[in-house]
Amino acid sequence: MRAITVRDREADGYGLSLTELPSPSAAENDVVVQVHAAGFLRGEPEWPSTWTDRAGRDRTPSVLGHEVSGVVVELGYGTTGLTIGQRVFGLTDWARNGSLAGYTAVEARNLAPLPADVDHTTAAAVVMPGLTAWQALFDHGHLEAGQTVLIHGAGGSVGSVAVQLAREIGAHIIGTGRAADRDLAGTLGAHEFLDLDSERLEDAGEVDVVFDVIGGEILDRSTALLRPGGTLVTVAAPPTVHPANGRAIFFVVEPHREQTAQLAARLRDGRLTPLVTAVRDLADAPAAFTERTRDRIIITVK
C-alpha cells in the first residue's frame, strides 16, 4: 500500500515521503480500515510518539495522520461492535501507524459508525477538532447552559467546532481571533468577538470557562478573566499562570467512541459543520506538511 512516512528524526524534512509499505494486519480487538479520507497535524513529526512505541522502541518508518474515515475490511480476534464493510471514522492511536495510508489498523473502541449520508472528507475533518472541543468544554470545563465561555481561535478548525457545541447547549459565547474571523464566528454562533490584534482581551469581562488553543501571552492573560470557580482549559501548553480561585487544565485529546458517535449525529442533522478549506490527494500530502497556510487540509486516499 501507499503511505506517507517519516524515517529519520535528524534528516532534513524528517525523511518525509510517499512510500510503499505492507498492509497492516488486525491484532486482538483491532480492525483494519481501508482509508477513504484522512486528517493530520503539521506538528506530528515533532511528537515523540511518532518515532517510538509505548515501550520506547523505534518504530520507523512511521505512518503519519491520526484522523481517519473509511470502511472496515478486517476484524481482529475479540473485536466487537463493528462489522466488515461498515463505514467508520475516528481517531487512531498516537503511538501506532496512522491514517495517511491505504489501510490502517485501529482499536475498534476508537471508531464509531459513520452514517451513509455523511461523506468521508467531512468525517475526517471533524474528528480531531470535534473530540478536542467536546473534551475541553464538557469533560474538563464542565460548561453548562447560561454560562459564559471565551473561545480563543474561534475561526479555526478547533475553535469553530467549540463555538457550535457551546451554542447548542445555550452558553453565552465570546470568540477571539483575527479580524477576518469575525463574520465566521458570528455565523457559527458567537455572541461577541474580540480581534486580538486591535482589541483588549480584558474587555471580555469575567467568564466561567476559557478554552485556549493559542498559548503564550494570550493563555497567561486569560487566567485573570475567570470568575471564582471558573476553569481555563488549554491544548497549547501547560499553564504557567494559575487562577487564584479556579482551575487551569492542560490536556491532550483522546479517542472516544461515544463522543465520536455524538459528532456523527450532529454532522448528519446539520448541527455541526467542520472547516474544510482544501482537499488533496495522498501523493500531495508531503508538500501539505510544509505549506505556510491556515487552511484545514484533508487528504483523500481511496
Protein backbone atom coordinates (compact mmCIF):
# COMPACT_ATOMS: atom_id res chain seq x y z
CA MET A 1 0.00 0.00 0.00
CA ARG A 2 1.00 3.64 -0.38
CA ALA A 3 1.69 5.58 2.82
CA ILE A 4 3.15 8.90 3.99
CA THR A 5 6.06 8.09 6.30
CA VAL A 6 8.89 9.68 8.24
CA ARG A 7 12.14 7.76 8.59
CA ASP A 8 14.87 9.91 10.17
CA ARG A 9 14.31 12.37 13.02
CA GLU A 10 17.62 14.11 12.26
CA ALA A 11 17.17 14.38 8.49
CA ASP A 12 16.01 17.46 6.65
CA GLY A 13 12.24 17.17 6.45
CA TYR A 14 12.42 14.05 8.67
CA GLY A 15 12.69 11.88 5.56
CA LEU A 16 9.02 12.58 4.83
CA SER A 17 7.93 10.76 1.68
CA LEU A 18 5.32 8.71 -0.14
CA THR A 19 6.36 5.11 0.49
CA GLU A 20 5.25 1.57 -0.37
CA LEU A 21 4.60 -0.49 2.79
CA PRO A 22 2.97 -3.84 3.54
CA SER A 23 -0.67 -3.55 4.52
CA PRO A 24 -1.27 -3.94 8.27
CA SER A 25 -2.96 -6.89 9.94
CA ALA A 26 -5.56 -6.67 12.69
CA ALA A 27 -4.30 -7.52 16.18
CA GLU A 28 -6.61 -8.50 19.02
CA ASN A 29 -9.52 -6.04 19.36
CA ASP A 30 -8.37 -4.23 16.18
CA VAL A 31 -9.97 -3.58 12.86
CA VAL A 32 -8.23 -2.79 9.59
CA VAL A 33 -9.79 0.19 7.85
CA GLN A 34 -9.46 0.91 4.16
CA VAL A 35 -8.82 4.64 4.34
CA HIS A 36 -11.00 6.94 2.24
CA ALA A 37 -10.02 10.26 3.84
CA ALA A 38 -7.52 11.32 6.49
CA GLY A 39 -6.52 14.36 8.50
CA PHE A 40 -3.20 15.32 10.05
CA LEU A 41 -1.45 17.94 12.18
CA ARG A 42 1.68 19.57 10.83
CA GLY A 43 3.47 19.13 14.15
CA GLU A 44 3.29 15.33 14.10
CA PRO A 45 6.95 14.83 13.04
CA GLU A 46 7.97 16.57 16.28
CA TRP A 47 5.99 14.26 18.59
CA PRO A 48 7.98 11.58 20.49
CA SER A 49 5.18 9.07 19.81
CA THR A 50 5.78 9.43 16.07
CA TRP A 51 9.18 7.81 16.49
CA THR A 52 8.84 5.28 19.31
CA ASP A 53 6.13 2.99 20.64
CA ARG A 54 4.94 2.96 24.26
CA ALA A 55 7.86 0.75 25.25
CA GLY A 56 10.34 3.26 23.83
CA ARG A 57 11.26 1.12 20.83
CA ASP A 58 11.95 2.67 17.44
CA ARG A 59 9.01 2.20 15.07
CA THR A 60 10.20 3.93 11.90
CA PRO A 61 9.20 4.19 9.14
CA SER A 62 6.18 5.75 10.89
CA VAL A 63 2.94 6.48 9.06
CA LEU A 64 1.58 9.96 9.83
CA GLY A 65 -2.01 11.16 10.24
CA HIS A 66 -4.42 10.23 13.03
CA GLU A 67 -7.88 11.21 11.77
CA VAL A 68 -9.46 8.51 9.67
CA SER A 69 -12.66 7.81 7.77
CA GLY A 70 -13.13 4.66 5.75
CA VAL A 71 -14.51 1.12 5.59
CA VAL A 72 -13.73 -1.88 7.80
CA VAL A 73 -12.09 -4.68 5.80
CA GLU A 74 -10.71 -6.97 8.54
CA LEU A 75 -11.60 -7.82 12.14
CA GLY A 76 -9.09 -8.90 14.78
CA TYR A 77 -9.71 -11.62 17.35
CA GLY A 78 -12.18 -10.48 20.01
CA THR A 79 -13.34 -7.41 18.11
CA THR A 80 -16.95 -6.47 18.81
CA GLY A 81 -19.30 -3.69 17.80
CA LEU A 82 -18.16 -3.35 14.18
CA THR A 83 -18.55 -5.47 11.04
CA ILE A 84 -16.71 -5.93 7.76
CA GLY A 85 -17.95 -3.48 5.15
CA GLN A 86 -19.08 -0.94 7.75
CA ARG A 87 -18.33 2.76 7.26
CA VAL A 88 -16.45 4.14 10.28
CA PHE A 89 -14.46 7.14 11.44
CA GLY A 90 -12.39 8.09 14.45
CA LEU A 91 -9.01 8.91 15.94
CA THR A 92 -6.12 6.47 15.73
CA ASP A 93 -3.60 5.76 18.47
CA TRP A 94 -0.75 8.28 18.77
CA ALA A 95 1.94 5.60 19.14
CA ARG A 96 0.86 3.43 16.17
CA ASN A 97 0.92 3.93 12.43
CA GLY A 98 -1.72 6.38 11.33
CA SER A 99 -4.18 7.18 8.58
CA LEU A 100 -2.16 8.63 5.70
CA ALA A 101 -2.07 5.24 4.03
CA GLY A 102 -4.20 2.89 2.00
CA TYR A 103 -5.04 0.89 5.15
CA THR A 104 -4.61 1.42 8.88
CA ALA A 105 -5.07 -0.85 11.91
CA VAL A 106 -7.10 0.76 14.71
CA GLU A 107 -8.51 -0.39 18.02
CA ALA A 108 -12.22 -0.90 17.42
CA ARG A 109 -13.11 1.14 20.51
CA ASN A 110 -11.59 4.24 18.85
CA LEU A 111 -14.07 4.16 15.95
CA ALA A 112 -17.75 4.98 15.56
CA PRO A 113 -20.15 4.08 12.73
CA LEU A 114 -20.38 6.72 10.00
CA PRO A 115 -23.87 7.39 8.61
CA ALA A 116 -24.25 6.71 4.89
CA ASP A 117 -25.23 10.31 4.18
CA VAL A 118 -22.05 11.83 5.70
CA ASP A 119 -19.11 11.89 3.28
CA HIS A 120 -15.68 10.68 4.30
CA THR A 121 -13.97 14.05 3.81
CA THR A 122 -16.33 15.74 6.26
CA ALA A 123 -15.96 12.91 8.76
CA ALA A 124 -12.16 13.03 8.68
CA ALA A 125 -12.26 16.80 9.14
CA VAL A 126 -14.37 16.70 12.30
CA VAL A 127 -12.60 14.01 14.33
CA MET A 128 -9.70 15.87 15.92
CA PRO A 129 -11.39 19.29 16.24
CA GLY A 130 -14.63 17.71 17.40
CA LEU A 131 -13.17 15.50 20.11
CA THR A 132 -10.81 18.26 21.25
CA ALA A 133 -13.63 20.79 21.57
CA TRP A 134 -16.00 18.30 23.21
CA GLN A 135 -13.48 17.17 25.82
CA ALA A 136 -12.34 20.75 26.53
CA LEU A 137 -15.81 22.20 27.01
CA PHE A 138 -17.63 19.34 28.68
CA ASP A 139 -15.17 16.83 30.18
CA HIS A 140 -12.75 19.43 31.58
CA GLY A 141 -14.59 22.76 31.51
CA HIS A 142 -17.99 21.37 32.60
CA LEU A 143 -19.68 24.10 30.55
CA GLU A 144 -23.42 24.45 31.19
CA ALA A 145 -26.34 26.39 29.74
CA GLY A 146 -26.32 30.05 30.74
CA GLN A 147 -22.60 30.18 31.47
CA THR A 148 -20.17 32.38 29.55
CA VAL A 149 -17.32 30.79 27.62
CA LEU A 150 -14.37 32.54 25.98
CA ILE A 151 -13.15 30.58 22.95
CA HIS A 152 -9.78 31.56 21.52
CA GLY A 153 -9.22 30.90 17.82
CA ALA A 154 -12.97 30.87 17.15
CA GLY A 155 -12.40 30.95 13.39
CA GLY A 156 -10.03 27.98 13.35
CA SER A 157 -10.75 24.28 12.93
CA VAL A 158 -11.00 23.52 16.68
CA GLY A 159 -12.43 26.84 17.82
CA SER A 160 -15.16 26.85 15.20
CA VAL A 161 -16.42 23.45 16.39
CA ALA A 162 -16.24 24.63 20.00
CA VAL A 163 -18.43 27.63 19.13
CA GLN A 164 -21.05 25.35 17.56
CA LEU A 165 -21.08 22.93 20.51
CA ALA A 166 -21.31 25.76 23.04
CA ARG A 167 -24.14 27.37 21.07
CA GLU A 168 -26.10 24.13 21.12
CA ILE A 169 -26.16 23.89 24.92
CA GLY A 170 -27.14 27.53 25.38
CA ALA A 171 -23.89 29.13 26.58
CA HIS A 172 -23.01 32.79 26.01
CA ILE A 173 -20.02 32.73 23.64
CA ILE A 174 -17.20 35.25 23.27
CA GLY A 175 -14.91 34.36 20.40
CA THR A 176 -11.44 35.70 19.71
CA GLY A 177 -9.14 35.65 16.71
CA ARG A 178 -8.16 37.81 13.79
CA ALA A 179 -10.42 40.43 12.23
CA ALA A 180 -11.05 38.14 9.26
CA ASP A 181 -12.58 35.55 11.60
CA ARG A 182 -15.27 37.84 13.00
CA ASP A 183 -18.01 37.09 10.46
CA LEU A 184 -17.45 33.32 10.54
CA ALA A 185 -17.50 33.23 14.34
CA GLY A 186 -20.76 35.20 14.38
CA THR A 187 -22.36 32.96 11.79
CA LEU A 188 -21.45 29.87 13.81
CA GLY A 189 -22.96 31.25 17.00
CA ALA A 190 -20.56 33.60 18.82
CA HIS A 191 -22.43 36.42 20.57
CA GLU A 192 -19.34 38.63 20.84
CA PHE A 193 -15.95 38.72 19.16
CA LEU A 194 -12.60 40.26 20.08
CA ASP A 195 -9.92 40.95 17.47
CA LEU A 196 -6.73 40.04 19.34
CA ASP A 197 -4.67 42.34 17.10
CA SER A 198 -6.65 45.51 17.81
CA GLU A 199 -8.89 44.97 20.84
CA ARG A 200 -8.13 44.39 24.51
CA LEU A 201 -8.61 40.84 25.70
CA GLU A 202 -9.50 42.18 29.13
CA ASP A 203 -12.61 43.82 27.64
CA ALA A 204 -14.18 40.35 27.52
CA GLY A 205 -15.04 40.68 31.20
CA GLU A 206 -15.46 37.74 33.57
CA VAL A 207 -16.22 34.30 32.14
CA ASP A 208 -16.94 30.84 33.53
CA VAL A 209 -14.79 28.87 31.07
CA VAL A 210 -11.84 29.77 28.84
CA PHE A 211 -10.90 27.40 26.03
CA ASP A 212 -7.43 28.20 24.67
CA VAL A 213 -5.71 26.85 21.57
CA ILE A 214 -3.10 29.64 21.26
CA GLY A 215 -0.89 29.53 24.35
CA GLY A 216 1.80 32.05 25.28
CA GLU A 217 0.81 35.52 26.43
CA ILE A 218 -2.84 35.00 25.48
CA LEU A 219 -3.02 31.94 27.72
CA ASP A 220 -1.36 33.79 30.62
CA ARG A 221 -3.64 36.85 30.34
CA SER A 222 -6.77 34.72 30.07
CA THR A 223 -6.35 33.44 33.62
CA ALA A 224 -7.40 36.80 35.05
CA LEU A 225 -10.73 36.65 33.21
CA LEU A 226 -12.08 33.67 35.17
CA ARG A 227 -14.87 34.11 37.67
CA PRO A 228 -14.31 32.41 41.06
CA GLY A 229 -14.75 28.69 40.47
CA GLY A 230 -14.12 29.04 36.75
CA THR A 231 -11.95 26.81 34.56
CA LEU A 232 -9.30 27.54 31.96
CA VAL A 233 -8.72 24.65 29.56
CA THR A 234 -5.86 24.66 27.07
CA VAL A 235 -4.40 22.30 24.50
CA ALA A 236 -1.49 24.62 23.66
CA ALA A 237 0.86 24.15 26.64
CA PRO A 238 0.77 23.53 30.39
CA PRO A 239 -0.30 26.82 32.04
CA THR A 240 2.40 28.79 33.85
CA VAL A 241 -0.04 31.27 35.39
CA HIS A 242 -2.81 29.76 37.54
CA PRO A 243 -6.07 31.39 38.66
CA ALA A 244 -6.39 32.28 42.32
CA ASN A 245 -9.92 30.92 42.65
CA GLY A 246 -10.30 28.49 39.76
CA ARG A 247 -8.67 25.71 37.79
CA ALA A 248 -6.21 25.64 34.88
CA ILE A 249 -6.07 22.39 32.90
CA PHE A 250 -3.85 21.23 30.03
CA PHE A 251 -4.91 18.09 28.19
CA VAL A 252 -4.23 16.01 25.09
CA VAL A 253 -7.25 14.80 23.16
CA GLU A 254 -8.09 11.09 23.40
CA PRO A 255 -10.05 8.73 21.15
CA HIS A 256 -13.60 8.16 22.39
CA ARG A 257 -16.23 6.07 20.57
CA GLU A 258 -19.34 7.56 22.19
CA GLN A 259 -18.19 11.14 21.69
CA THR A 260 -17.32 10.35 18.08
CA ALA A 261 -20.84 8.95 17.63
CA GLN A 262 -22.24 12.18 19.08
CA LEU A 263 -20.28 14.12 16.46
CA ALA A 264 -21.68 11.86 13.73
CA ALA A 265 -25.25 12.59 14.84
CA ARG A 266 -24.58 16.32 14.67
CA LEU A 267 -22.99 16.07 11.23
CA ARG A 268 -25.98 14.14 9.97
CA ASP A 269 -28.65 16.58 11.13
CA GLY A 270 -26.75 19.76 10.33
CA ARG A 271 -25.99 20.90 13.88
CA LEU A 272 -22.25 20.75 13.22
CA THR A 273 -20.15 21.84 10.23
CA PRO A 274 -16.35 21.36 10.32
CA LEU A 275 -13.97 23.60 8.41
CA VAL A 276 -12.52 22.06 5.25
CA THR A 277 -10.66 24.59 3.13
CA ALA A 278 -8.51 22.30 0.97
CA VAL A 279 -8.65 18.68 -0.20
CA ARG A 280 -5.54 16.96 -1.59
CA ASP A 281 -4.52 13.56 -2.91
CA LEU A 282 -2.27 11.29 -0.86
CA ALA A 283 0.66 11.97 -3.20
CA ASP A 284 0.42 15.68 -2.33
CA ALA A 285 0.50 15.14 1.44
CA PRO A 286 4.29 15.65 1.92
CA ALA A 287 4.03 19.13 0.43
CA ALA A 288 0.98 19.88 2.59
CA PHE A 289 3.05 19.34 5.75
CA THR A 290 5.37 22.22 4.84
CA GLU A 291 2.81 24.70 3.49
CA ARG A 292 2.56 28.02 5.29
CA THR A 293 -1.20 28.23 5.42
CA ARG A 294 -4.06 28.29 7.91
CA ASP A 295 -6.04 26.01 5.61
CA ARG A 296 -7.56 22.88 7.08
CA ILE A 297 -6.28 20.24 4.62
CA ILE A 298 -7.91 16.82 4.29
CA ILE A 299 -6.24 14.05 2.29
CA THR A 300 -8.29 11.74 0.09
CA VAL A 301 -6.83 8.25 -0.16
CA LYS A 302 -9.26 5.90 -1.91
